[in-house]
Protein backbone atom coordinates (compact mmCIF):
# COMPACT_ATOMS: atom_id res chain seq x y z
CA MET A 1 65.94 -42.12 0.80
CA ALA A 2 64.92 -43.85 -2.43
CA ARG A 3 61.30 -42.97 -1.68
CA ALA A 4 62.12 -39.25 -1.86
CA VAL A 5 63.57 -39.70 -5.35
CA ARG A 6 60.75 -41.97 -6.57
CA GLY A 7 57.69 -40.05 -5.53
CA PRO A 8 54.31 -40.22 -7.29
CA GLY A 9 55.04 -37.03 -9.22
CA ARG A 10 58.28 -38.31 -10.70
CA TRP A 11 56.63 -39.12 -14.06
CA LEU A 12 54.80 -35.80 -14.16
CA TRP A 13 57.72 -33.54 -13.24
CA ARG A 14 57.48 -31.71 -16.55
CA TRP A 15 53.98 -30.41 -15.72
CA ARG A 16 54.50 -29.42 -12.05
CA ARG A 17 54.55 -25.77 -11.09
CA ASN A 18 58.06 -24.44 -10.74
CA PRO A 19 59.15 -20.78 -10.64
CA LEU A 20 62.35 -21.64 -12.49
CA LYS A 21 60.51 -23.26 -15.40
CA ARG A 22 60.97 -21.30 -18.58
CA ARG A 23 58.55 -20.95 -21.45
CA SER A 24 60.70 -23.29 -23.56
CA ASP A 25 60.42 -25.93 -20.80
CA ARG A 26 56.63 -25.74 -20.91
CA ILE A 27 56.61 -25.91 -24.72
CA GLU A 28 58.93 -28.90 -24.66
CA SER A 29 56.83 -30.76 -22.09
CA TRP A 30 53.64 -30.43 -24.14
CA PHE A 31 55.48 -31.11 -27.38
CA LEU A 32 56.89 -34.35 -25.93
CA LEU A 33 53.49 -35.49 -24.71
CA ALA A 34 51.87 -34.78 -28.08
CA SER A 35 54.71 -36.38 -30.02
CA TRP A 36 54.66 -39.58 -27.97
CA VAL A 37 50.90 -39.89 -28.39
CA LEU A 38 51.27 -39.23 -32.13
CA THR A 39 54.12 -41.75 -32.38
CA LEU A 40 52.03 -44.38 -30.64
CA LEU A 41 49.05 -43.73 -32.95
CA ILE A 42 51.25 -43.85 -36.07
CA ALA A 43 52.93 -47.08 -34.95
CA VAL A 44 49.63 -48.79 -34.13
CA ALA A 45 47.99 -47.64 -37.37
CA ALA A 46 50.95 -48.64 -39.54
CA GLY A 47 51.45 -51.99 -37.82
CA ALA A 48 47.77 -52.91 -37.90
CA GLY A 49 47.36 -51.81 -41.52
CA VAL A 50 50.38 -53.73 -42.77
CA ALA A 51 49.50 -56.83 -40.72
CA ARG A 52 45.93 -56.80 -42.08
CA SER A 53 47.23 -56.40 -45.64
CA VAL A 54 49.71 -59.27 -45.29
CA GLU A 55 47.11 -61.55 -43.73
CA GLN A 56 44.60 -60.77 -46.50
CA GLU A 57 47.18 -61.48 -49.20
CA LEU A 58 48.14 -64.79 -47.60
CA ALA A 59 44.44 -65.72 -47.24
CA ARG A 60 43.95 -64.92 -50.94
CA GLU A 61 46.87 -67.23 -51.78
CA ARG A 62 45.36 -70.02 -49.66
CA ALA A 63 42.05 -69.61 -51.48
CA GLU A 64 43.50 -69.46 -55.03
CA TRP A 65 46.50 -71.78 -54.99
CA ARG A 66 45.75 -75.43 -55.66
CA ARG A 67 47.54 -78.73 -55.58
CA ALA A 68 48.25 -80.33 -58.92
CA GLU A 69 49.37 -83.85 -59.66
CA ALA A 70 52.63 -83.85 -61.62
CA GLN A 71 54.92 -86.55 -62.96
CA LEU A 72 58.69 -86.56 -63.16
CA THR A 73 59.84 -86.31 -66.76
CA GLU A 74 63.27 -87.83 -65.98
CA PRO A 75 64.83 -89.85 -63.18
CA ALA A 76 65.94 -87.78 -60.19
CA PRO A 77 69.70 -87.73 -59.62
CA GLY A 78 71.21 -89.63 -56.70
CA THR A 79 70.31 -92.90 -55.07
CA PRO A 80 67.41 -93.56 -52.70
CA ARG A 81 68.08 -94.29 -49.03
CA ASP A 82 68.34 -97.93 -48.08
CA ASP A 83 66.26 -97.57 -44.91
CA GLY A 84 63.25 -96.17 -46.82
CA ARG A 85 62.99 -93.00 -44.68
CA ASP A 86 62.26 -89.73 -46.46
CA SER A 87 64.39 -86.83 -45.25
CA ARG A 88 64.40 -83.28 -46.68
CA ALA A 89 68.20 -83.51 -46.75
CA ASP A 90 67.92 -86.38 -49.24
CA HIS A 91 65.74 -84.43 -51.70
CA VAL A 92 67.11 -83.21 -55.03
CA TRP A 93 65.80 -81.02 -57.86
CA ALA A 94 64.12 -82.79 -60.77
CA THR A 95 61.92 -81.76 -63.69
CA ALA A 96 58.19 -82.47 -63.46
CA ARG A 97 55.25 -81.88 -65.82
CA TRP A 98 51.66 -81.08 -64.88
CA THR A 99 48.48 -79.89 -66.56
CA ALA A 100 46.85 -76.57 -65.59
CA PRO A 101 43.06 -76.27 -65.09
CA ASP A 102 42.80 -74.72 -68.58
CA GLY A 103 44.49 -77.79 -70.12
CA ALA A 104 47.89 -76.16 -70.76
CA SER A 105 50.94 -78.28 -70.01
CA HIS A 106 53.60 -76.84 -67.64
CA THR A 107 57.02 -78.03 -66.56
CA GLY A 108 59.17 -76.95 -63.64
CA GLN A 109 61.76 -77.96 -61.10
CA ILE A 110 60.58 -79.62 -57.90
CA ARG A 111 62.33 -81.17 -54.91
CA VAL A 112 61.84 -84.95 -54.82
CA PRO A 113 63.55 -87.84 -53.01
CA ALA A 114 66.87 -88.75 -54.60
CA GLY A 115 66.69 -91.58 -57.12
CA SER A 116 62.97 -91.18 -57.90
CA ALA A 117 62.09 -92.81 -61.22
CA ALA A 118 60.73 -91.00 -64.27
CA GLY A 119 56.92 -90.94 -64.18
CA THR A 120 56.79 -90.87 -60.37
CA PRO A 121 53.74 -88.85 -59.29
CA VAL A 122 54.55 -85.73 -57.23
CA THR A 123 52.46 -82.89 -55.85
CA VAL A 124 53.05 -79.30 -56.96
CA TRP A 125 51.24 -76.12 -55.95
CA THR A 126 49.96 -73.87 -58.74
CA ASP A 127 48.25 -70.50 -59.07
CA ARG A 128 45.16 -69.81 -61.21
CA GLU A 129 47.16 -69.91 -64.44
CA GLY A 130 48.84 -73.20 -63.55
CA ARG A 131 52.23 -71.64 -62.78
CA GLN A 132 54.22 -73.31 -60.04
CA VAL A 133 54.19 -71.57 -56.64
CA THR A 134 55.29 -72.49 -53.13
CA ARG A 135 52.97 -74.20 -50.68
CA PRO A 136 50.60 -71.58 -49.25
CA THR A 137 50.93 -70.70 -45.59
CA THR A 138 48.52 -72.15 -43.06
CA ALA A 139 46.22 -69.78 -41.16
CA SER A 140 48.44 -69.89 -38.06
CA GLU A 141 51.59 -69.29 -40.13
CA ALA A 142 49.84 -66.38 -41.84
CA ARG A 143 48.88 -64.82 -38.48
CA PHE A 144 52.45 -65.16 -37.21
CA ARG A 145 53.95 -63.73 -40.39
CA ALA A 146 51.43 -60.86 -40.44
CA ALA A 147 52.17 -60.05 -36.79
CA LEU A 148 55.91 -60.09 -37.43
CA VAL A 149 55.68 -57.88 -40.52
CA GLY A 150 53.18 -55.59 -38.75
CA ALA A 151 55.49 -55.19 -35.74
CA THR A 152 58.40 -54.38 -38.04
CA ALA A 153 56.28 -51.80 -39.87
CA ALA A 154 55.19 -50.28 -36.55
CA VAL A 155 58.79 -49.89 -35.41
CA GLY A 156 59.81 -48.48 -38.77
CA ALA A 157 56.94 -46.01 -38.85
CA SER A 158 57.67 -44.84 -35.31
CA LEU A 159 61.27 -44.01 -36.21
CA ILE A 160 60.19 -40.97 -38.26
CA PRO A 161 58.41 -39.10 -35.45
CA VAL A 162 61.07 -40.17 -32.94
CA ALA A 163 63.77 -38.67 -35.18
CA ALA A 164 61.71 -35.48 -35.53
CA VAL A 165 61.28 -35.25 -31.75
CA ARG A 166 65.01 -35.64 -31.22
CA ALA A 167 65.73 -32.89 -33.77
CA VAL A 168 63.25 -30.49 -32.14
CA ARG A 169 64.57 -31.25 -28.64
CA ARG A 170 68.15 -30.67 -29.82
CA ARG A 171 67.11 -27.29 -31.23
CA LEU A 172 65.30 -26.37 -27.99
CA GLU A 173 68.39 -27.32 -25.99
CA GLU A 174 70.60 -25.18 -28.24
CA ARG A 175 68.22 -22.29 -27.76
CA ARG A 176 68.28 -22.72 -23.96
CA LEU A 177 72.08 -22.72 -24.00
CA GLU A 178 72.06 -19.52 -26.06
CA GLU A 179 69.66 -17.90 -23.56
CA TRP A 180 71.85 -18.98 -20.65
CA GLY A 181 74.90 -17.57 -22.45
CA ASP A 182 73.12 -14.25 -22.95
CA GLU A 183 72.10 -14.13 -19.27
CA TRP A 184 75.61 -15.01 -18.15
CA ALA A 185 77.10 -12.30 -20.36
CA ARG A 186 74.70 -9.81 -18.78
CA LEU A 187 74.94 -10.91 -15.14
CA GLY A 188 78.37 -12.55 -14.93
CA PRO A 189 80.40 -9.32 -14.70
CA GLN A 190 78.24 -8.16 -11.75
CA TRP A 191 79.38 -11.08 -9.55
CA GLY A 192 82.72 -9.48 -8.77
CA ARG A 193 81.21 -6.25 -7.51
CA SER A 194 80.63 -5.50 -3.87
CA THR A 195 77.16 -4.28 -2.94
CA SER A 196 78.18 -2.50 0.24
């Protein structure tokens, strides 16, 4: 029984010959095919373009951002751990100073182990002008982030044609209901008549 419902033509039912198929049904079937192909192309193009852009920007950051040796200008608040282990939970904000490649001196806040003494050397990441930046992403992190942002862009870009398809289908359905109403108004009163 299930085989009769799930035949090979189940996916292509919109394009099969049928004497009851109206012109609006044929238009809708081709419109849906074209819109799904267009939606797929838009999603792939948007996702790939955004992913490529994100990956290029992150690669540029990896190429331009450099490590700089900085020194704490004041003791870091808190007390160091007794066991000597370094945990991110035990890091606090402290002020550090470093010199940019052009010789200019910069200061900024950096996370260091609690209780670090003034003058302790720390590593900061800087851009071309010596301004403090975050650590650049690795190549694998950049690929993952680019793929994630690209997938989000693909989904977002596909929402526009999907919304347009839904609006057009709703209008076609309203039109079919109007046509059926007109036919019923014309033929309905004849049902009560006897033909003999």
